[in-house]
Amino acid sequence: SSGAVDAVKKASGKRAVASDAVKAARAVKTAYELGCIRKACRIAKAGMRKAREMSRPGVKELDAVAEVEGVIRRLGSEKPPFGDGMLLASGKRAADIHAMALLERIGDGPVVVDLGAVWRGYNSDMTRTFAAGKMSSEERSVMRFVEGLKDECIDVIRPGMQASTVHKFVESRI
């Protein structure tokens, strides 16, 4: 924790630096760790199913969040997604992927949901965009483009590939 790092700095007068050995050891997951990550993903997936169900015109964004977070917590997530809660934004605010839910009602158009779960200290994280009600032709076109880009990324990704390479690929297409 950052408190432990601060204590080491204070006691030694030196800056604490993570060694390459620790990073390398943490990069390869044990069967136990993989199981925890899978469980966190299953919990988040159930939450995302509820988010899709709740992403409809007339539902208040915060009501949708409450329902989704209830599912995630009942299934065992140790914390709400990201500590402060999941992200959900509809309409024009859906363009801000870090927008917190408001008391406003979801209208026709895109709804962006970003959530995760924590199981035994291991995190999951997923983001999805749903169509609520009627979408404009421009919104439908953007959704199709992004879906196609996602499929391209899946085809491009290889074991050992750096995330930055995938990010550059996406940026080049956008």
C-alpha atoms as a PDB file:
ATOM      1  CA  SER A   1       0.000   0.000   0.000  1.00  0.00           C
ATOM      2  CA  SER A   2       1.091   3.598  -0.417  1.00  0.00           C
ATOM      3  CA  GLY A   3       1.186   3.959   3.378  1.00  0.00           C
ATOM      4  CA  ALA A   4       3.774   1.168   3.616  1.00  0.00           C
ATOM      5  CA  VAL A   5       5.830   2.745   0.831  1.00  0.00           C
ATOM      6  CA  ASP A   6       5.708   6.110   2.621  1.00  0.00           C
ATOM      7  CA  ALA A   7       6.861   4.459   5.862  1.00  0.00           C
ATOM      8  CA  VAL A   8       9.828   2.832   4.068  1.00  0.00           C
ATOM      9  CA  LYS A   9      10.759   6.171   2.500  1.00  0.00           C
ATOM     10  CA  LYS A  10      10.573   7.938   5.849  1.00  0.00           C
ATOM     11  CA  ALA A  11      12.528   5.266   7.740  1.00  0.00           C
ATOM     12  CA  SER A  12      15.278   4.824   5.174  1.00  0.00           C
ATOM     13  CA  GLY A  13      15.406   8.304   3.733  1.00  0.00           C
ATOM     14  CA  LYS A  14      15.346   6.614   0.326  1.00  0.00           C
ATOM     15  CA  ARG A  15      12.774   6.229  -2.320  1.00  0.00           C
ATOM     16  CA  ALA A  16      11.133   2.785  -2.596  1.00  0.00           C
ATOM     17  CA  VAL A  17      11.362   1.312  -6.104  1.00  0.00           C
ATOM     18  CA  ALA A  18       9.625  -1.827  -7.332  1.00  0.00           C
ATOM     19  CA  SER A  19      12.194  -4.267  -8.650  1.00  0.00           C
ATOM     20  CA  ASP A  20      11.952  -6.022 -11.989  1.00  0.00           C
ATOM     21  CA  ALA A  21      11.867  -9.335 -10.107  1.00  0.00           C
ATOM     22  CA  VAL A  22       8.647  -8.377  -8.315  1.00  0.00           C
ATOM     23  CA  LYS A  23       7.075  -7.128 -11.545  1.00  0.00           C
ATOM     24  CA  ALA A  24       8.052 -10.343 -13.349  1.00  0.00           C
ATOM     25  CA  ALA A  25       6.673 -12.523 -10.545  1.00  0.00           C
ATOM     26  CA  ARG A  26       3.354 -10.645 -10.554  1.00  0.00           C
ATOM     27  CA  ALA A  27       3.053 -10.814 -14.360  1.00  0.00           C
ATOM     28  CA  VAL A  28       2.545 -14.596 -14.362  1.00  0.00           C
ATOM     29  CA  LYS A  29      -0.598 -15.648 -12.514  1.00  0.00           C
ATOM     30  CA  THR A  30      -1.022 -18.827 -10.496  1.00  0.00           C
ATOM     31  CA  ALA A  31      -4.042 -21.074 -10.941  1.00  0.00           C
ATOM     32  CA  TYR A  32      -5.500 -19.554  -7.751  1.00  0.00           C
ATOM     33  CA  GLU A  33      -5.044 -16.016  -9.087  1.00  0.00           C
ATOM     34  CA  LEU A  34      -6.585 -16.923 -12.442  1.00  0.00           C
ATOM     35  CA  GLY A  35      -9.559 -18.423 -10.608  1.00  0.00           C
ATOM     36  CA  CYS A  36     -10.042 -15.209  -8.621  1.00  0.00           C
ATOM     37  CA  ILE A  37      -9.840 -13.094 -11.774  1.00  0.00           C
ATOM     38  CA  ARG A  38     -12.336 -15.367 -13.540  1.00  0.00           C
ATOM     39  CA  LYS A  39     -14.746 -15.098 -10.598  1.00  0.00           C
ATOM     40  CA  ALA A  40     -14.411 -11.285 -10.617  1.00  0.00           C
ATOM     41  CA  CYS A  41     -15.169 -11.364 -14.353  1.00  0.00           C
ATOM     42  CA  ARG A  42     -18.233 -13.582 -13.879  1.00  0.00           C
ATOM     43  CA  ILE A  43     -19.571 -11.181 -11.255  1.00  0.00           C
ATOM     44  CA  ALA A  44     -18.981  -8.197 -13.536  1.00  0.00           C
ATOM     45  CA  LYS A  45     -20.613 -10.030 -16.461  1.00  0.00           C
ATOM     46  CA  ALA A  46     -23.774 -10.528 -14.382  1.00  0.00           C
ATOM     47  CA  GLY A  47     -23.681  -6.845 -13.522  1.00  0.00           C
ATOM     48  CA  MET A  48     -23.350  -5.950 -17.184  1.00  0.00           C
ATOM     49  CA  ARG A  49     -26.378  -8.110 -18.046  1.00  0.00           C
ATOM     50  CA  LYS A  50     -28.353  -6.079 -15.492  1.00  0.00           C
ATOM     51  CA  ALA A  51     -26.926  -2.846 -16.949  1.00  0.00           C
ATOM     52  CA  ARG A  52     -28.173  -3.812 -20.406  1.00  0.00           C
ATOM     53  CA  GLU A  53     -31.612  -4.567 -18.945  1.00  0.00           C
ATOM     54  CA  MET A  54     -31.686  -1.201 -17.121  1.00  0.00           C
ATOM     55  CA  SER A  55     -30.426   0.848 -20.090  1.00  0.00           C
ATOM     56  CA  ARG A  56     -33.798   1.918 -21.419  1.00  0.00           C
ATOM     57  CA  PRO A  57     -35.525   5.262 -21.871  1.00  0.00           C
ATOM     58  CA  GLY A  58     -37.185   6.628 -18.747  1.00  0.00           C
ATOM     59  CA  VAL A  59     -34.949   4.889 -16.187  1.00  0.00           C
ATOM     60  CA  LYS A  60     -32.941   7.274 -14.014  1.00  0.00           C
ATOM     61  CA  GLU A  61     -29.214   6.741 -14.470  1.00  0.00           C
ATOM     62  CA  LEU A  62     -28.655   6.495 -10.709  1.00  0.00           C
ATOM     63  CA  ASP A  63     -31.480   3.961 -10.364  1.00  0.00           C
ATOM     64  CA  ALA A  64     -29.810   1.822 -13.033  1.00  0.00           C
ATOM     65  CA  VAL A  65     -26.486   2.079 -11.193  1.00  0.00           C
ATOM     66  CA  ALA A  66     -28.098   1.086  -7.888  1.00  0.00           C
ATOM     67  CA  GLU A  67     -29.642  -2.026  -9.462  1.00  0.00           C
ATOM     68  CA  VAL A  68     -26.392  -3.046 -11.153  1.00  0.00           C
ATOM     69  CA  GLU A  69     -24.238  -2.457  -8.094  1.00  0.00           C
ATOM     70  CA  GLY A  70     -26.745  -4.436  -6.035  1.00  0.00           C
ATOM     71  CA  VAL A  71     -26.264  -7.434  -8.327  1.00  0.00           C
ATOM     72  CA  ILE A  72     -22.487  -7.145  -8.180  1.00  0.00           C
ATOM     73  CA  ARG A  73     -22.387  -6.859  -4.392  1.00  0.00           C
ATOM     74  CA  ARG A  74     -24.910  -9.687  -3.822  1.00  0.00           C
ATOM     75  CA  LEU A  75     -22.693 -11.947  -5.947  1.00  0.00           C
ATOM     76  CA  GLY A  76     -19.734 -11.216  -3.688  1.00  0.00           C
ATOM     77  CA  SER A  77     -17.829  -8.218  -5.014  1.00  0.00           C
ATOM     78  CA  GLU A  78     -15.839  -6.850  -2.088  1.00  0.00           C
ATOM     79  CA  LYS A  79     -16.243  -3.245  -3.244  1.00  0.00           C
ATOM     80  CA  PRO A  80     -18.384  -1.241  -5.567  1.00  0.00           C
ATOM     81  CA  PRO A  81     -16.775  -0.965  -8.996  1.00  0.00           C
ATOM     82  CA  PHE A  82     -13.683   1.264  -8.867  1.00  0.00           C
ATOM     83  CA  GLY A  83     -14.237   2.207  -5.220  1.00  0.00           C
ATOM     84  CA  ASP A  84     -16.412   5.201  -6.126  1.00  0.00           C
ATOM     85  CA  GLY A  85     -18.905   3.149  -8.089  1.00  0.00           C
ATOM     86  CA  MET A  86     -19.536   2.272 -11.685  1.00  0.00           C
ATOM     87  CA  LEU A  87     -19.711   4.749 -14.518  1.00  0.00           C
ATOM     88  CA  LEU A  88     -22.879   5.184 -16.540  1.00  0.00           C
ATOM     89  CA  ALA A  89     -23.707   8.000 -18.926  1.00  0.00           C
ATOM     90  CA  SER A  90     -26.438   8.386 -21.499  1.00  0.00           C
ATOM     91  CA  GLY A  91     -27.228  10.667 -24.408  1.00  0.00           C
ATOM     92  CA  LYS A  92     -24.597  13.299 -25.194  1.00  0.00           C
ATOM     93  CA  ARG A  93     -22.786  12.490 -21.924  1.00  0.00           C
ATOM     94  CA  ALA A  94     -22.086   8.992 -23.282  1.00  0.00           C
ATOM     95  CA  ALA A  95     -19.170  10.582 -25.164  1.00  0.00           C
ATOM     96  CA  ASP A  96     -17.449  11.077 -21.778  1.00  0.00           C
ATOM     97  CA  ILE A  97     -16.299   7.586 -20.825  1.00  0.00           C
ATOM     98  CA  HIS A  98     -15.586   8.725 -17.257  1.00  0.00           C
ATOM     99  CA  ALA A  99     -18.982  10.286 -16.564  1.00  0.00           C
ATOM    100  CA  MET A 100     -20.694   9.354 -13.322  1.00  0.00           C
ATOM    101  CA  ALA A 101     -24.427   8.643 -13.324  1.00  0.00           C
ATOM    102  CA  LEU A 102     -26.842  11.475 -12.614  1.00  0.00           C
ATOM    103  CA  LEU A 103     -30.462  11.734 -11.495  1.00  0.00           C
ATOM    104  CA  GLU A 104     -31.396  12.353 -15.136  1.00  0.00           C
ATOM    105  CA  ARG A 105     -33.512   9.868 -17.032  1.00  0.00           C
ATOM    106  CA  ILE A 106     -32.023   7.826 -19.828  1.00  0.00           C
ATOM    107  CA  GLY A 107     -33.348   8.967 -23.166  1.00  0.00           C
ATOM    108  CA  ASP A 108     -33.074   7.609 -26.687  1.00  0.00           C
ATOM    109  CA  GLY A 109     -29.473   7.070 -27.746  1.00  0.00           C
ATOM    110  CA  PRO A 110     -26.273   5.478 -26.498  1.00  0.00           C
ATOM    111  CA  VAL A 111     -25.630   4.460 -22.891  1.00  0.00           C
ATOM    112  CA  VAL A 112     -22.013   3.820 -21.865  1.00  0.00           C
ATOM    113  CA  VAL A 113     -21.465   1.546 -18.867  1.00  0.00           C
ATOM    114  CA  ASP A 114     -18.081   0.918 -17.222  1.00  0.00           C
ATOM    115  CA  LEU A 115     -18.041  -1.470 -14.274  1.00  0.00           C
ATOM    116  CA  GLY A 116     -16.052  -4.138 -12.533  1.00  0.00           C
ATOM    117  CA  ALA A 117     -15.946  -6.383  -9.508  1.00  0.00           C
ATOM    118  CA  VAL A 118     -13.390  -7.365  -6.874  1.00  0.00           C
ATOM    119  CA  TRP A 119     -13.065 -10.975  -5.711  1.00  0.00           C
ATOM    120  CA  ARG A 120     -10.433 -11.788  -3.067  1.00  0.00           C
ATOM    121  CA  GLY A 121      -8.506  -8.676  -4.063  1.00  0.00           C
ATOM    122  CA  TYR A 122      -8.535  -9.388  -7.815  1.00  0.00           C
ATOM    123  CA  ASN A 123     -10.290  -6.941 -10.125  1.00  0.00           C
ATOM    124  CA  SER A 124     -12.265  -7.135 -13.323  1.00  0.00           C
ATOM    125  CA  ASP A 125     -13.167  -4.215 -15.558  1.00  0.00           C
ATOM    126  CA  MET A 126     -15.424  -3.983 -18.610  1.00  0.00           C
ATOM    127  CA  THR A 127     -17.040  -1.258 -20.654  1.00  0.00           C
ATOM    128  CA  ARG A 128     -19.999  -1.606 -22.994  1.00  0.00           C
ATOM    129  CA  THR A 129     -22.191   0.745 -25.004  1.00  0.00           C
ATOM    130  CA  PHE A 130     -25.878  -0.054 -25.314  1.00  0.00           C
ATOM    131  CA  ALA A 131     -28.587   1.424 -27.488  1.00  0.00           C
ATOM    132  CA  ALA A 132     -31.493   2.810 -25.483  1.00  0.00           C
ATOM    133  CA  GLY A 133     -34.661   3.353 -27.443  1.00  0.00           C
ATOM    134  CA  LYS A 134     -34.250   4.877 -30.890  1.00  0.00           C
ATOM    135  CA  MET A 135     -30.811   5.820 -32.172  1.00  0.00           C
ATOM    136  CA  SER A 136     -30.061   8.396 -34.837  1.00  0.00           C
ATOM    137  CA  SER A 137     -28.493   7.143 -38.071  1.00  0.00           C
ATOM    138  CA  GLU A 138     -25.210   8.796 -37.036  1.00  0.00           C
ATOM    139  CA  GLU A 139     -25.272   7.030 -33.645  1.00  0.00           C
ATOM    140  CA  ARG A 140     -26.004   3.686 -35.330  1.00  0.00           C
ATOM    141  CA  SER A 141     -23.149   4.278 -37.766  1.00  0.00           C
ATOM    142  CA  VAL A 142     -20.692   5.011 -34.953  1.00  0.00           C
ATOM    143  CA  MET A 143     -21.851   1.935 -33.034  1.00  0.00           C
ATOM    144  CA  ARG A 144     -21.299  -0.255 -36.131  1.00  0.00           C
ATOM    145  CA  PHE A 145     -17.839   1.262 -36.665  1.00  0.00           C
ATOM    146  CA  VAL A 146     -16.795   0.606 -33.066  1.00  0.00           C
ATOM    147  CA  GLU A 147     -18.155  -2.957 -33.182  1.00  0.00           C
ATOM    148  CA  GLY A 148     -16.151  -3.603 -36.362  1.00  0.00           C
ATOM    149  CA  LEU A 149     -13.044  -2.079 -34.792  1.00  0.00           C
ATOM    150  CA  LYS A 150     -13.455  -4.345 -31.763  1.00  0.00           C
ATOM    151  CA  ASP A 151     -13.572  -7.367 -34.078  1.00  0.00           C
ATOM    152  CA  GLU A 152     -10.441  -6.134 -35.905  1.00  0.00           C
ATOM    153  CA  CYS A 153      -8.637  -5.807 -32.566  1.00  0.00           C
ATOM    154  CA  ILE A 154      -9.537  -9.343 -31.578  1.00  0.00           C
ATOM    155  CA  ASP A 155      -8.051 -10.554 -34.883  1.00  0.00           C
ATOM    156  CA  VAL A 156      -4.849  -8.530 -34.352  1.00  0.00           C
ATOM    157  CA  ILE A 157      -4.090  -9.378 -30.714  1.00  0.00           C
ATOM    158  CA  ARG A 158      -1.428 -12.027 -30.138  1.00  0.00           C
ATOM    159  CA  PRO A 159       0.045 -13.560 -26.956  1.00  0.00           C
ATOM    160  CA  GLY A 160       2.784 -11.348 -25.539  1.00  0.00           C
ATOM    161  CA  MET A 161       1.678  -8.282 -27.481  1.00  0.00           C
ATOM    162  CA  GLN A 162       1.947  -5.027 -25.567  1.00  0.00           C
ATOM    163  CA  ALA A 163      -1.273  -3.154 -24.862  1.00  0.00           C
ATOM    164  CA  SER A 164       0.334  -0.025 -26.317  1.00  0.00           C
ATOM    165  CA  THR A 165       0.563  -1.776 -29.702  1.00  0.00           C
ATOM    166  CA  VAL A 166      -3.173  -2.478 -29.645  1.00  0.00           C
ATOM    167  CA  HIS A 167      -3.830   1.105 -28.555  1.00  0.00           C
ATOM    168  CA  LYS A 168      -1.783   2.455 -31.497  1.00  0.00           C
ATOM    169  CA  PHE A 169      -3.697   0.148 -33.857  1.00  0.00           C
ATOM    170  CA  VAL A 170      -7.034   1.501 -32.582  1.00  0.00           C
ATOM    171  CA  GLU A 171      -5.844   5.108 -32.825  1.00  0.00           C
ATOM    172  CA  SER A 172      -4.740   4.550 -36.433  1.00  0.00           C
ATOM    173  CA  ARG A 173      -8.242   3.309 -37.350  1.00  0.00           C
ATOM    174  CA  ILE A 174     -10.089   6.082 -35.531  1.00  0.00           C
END
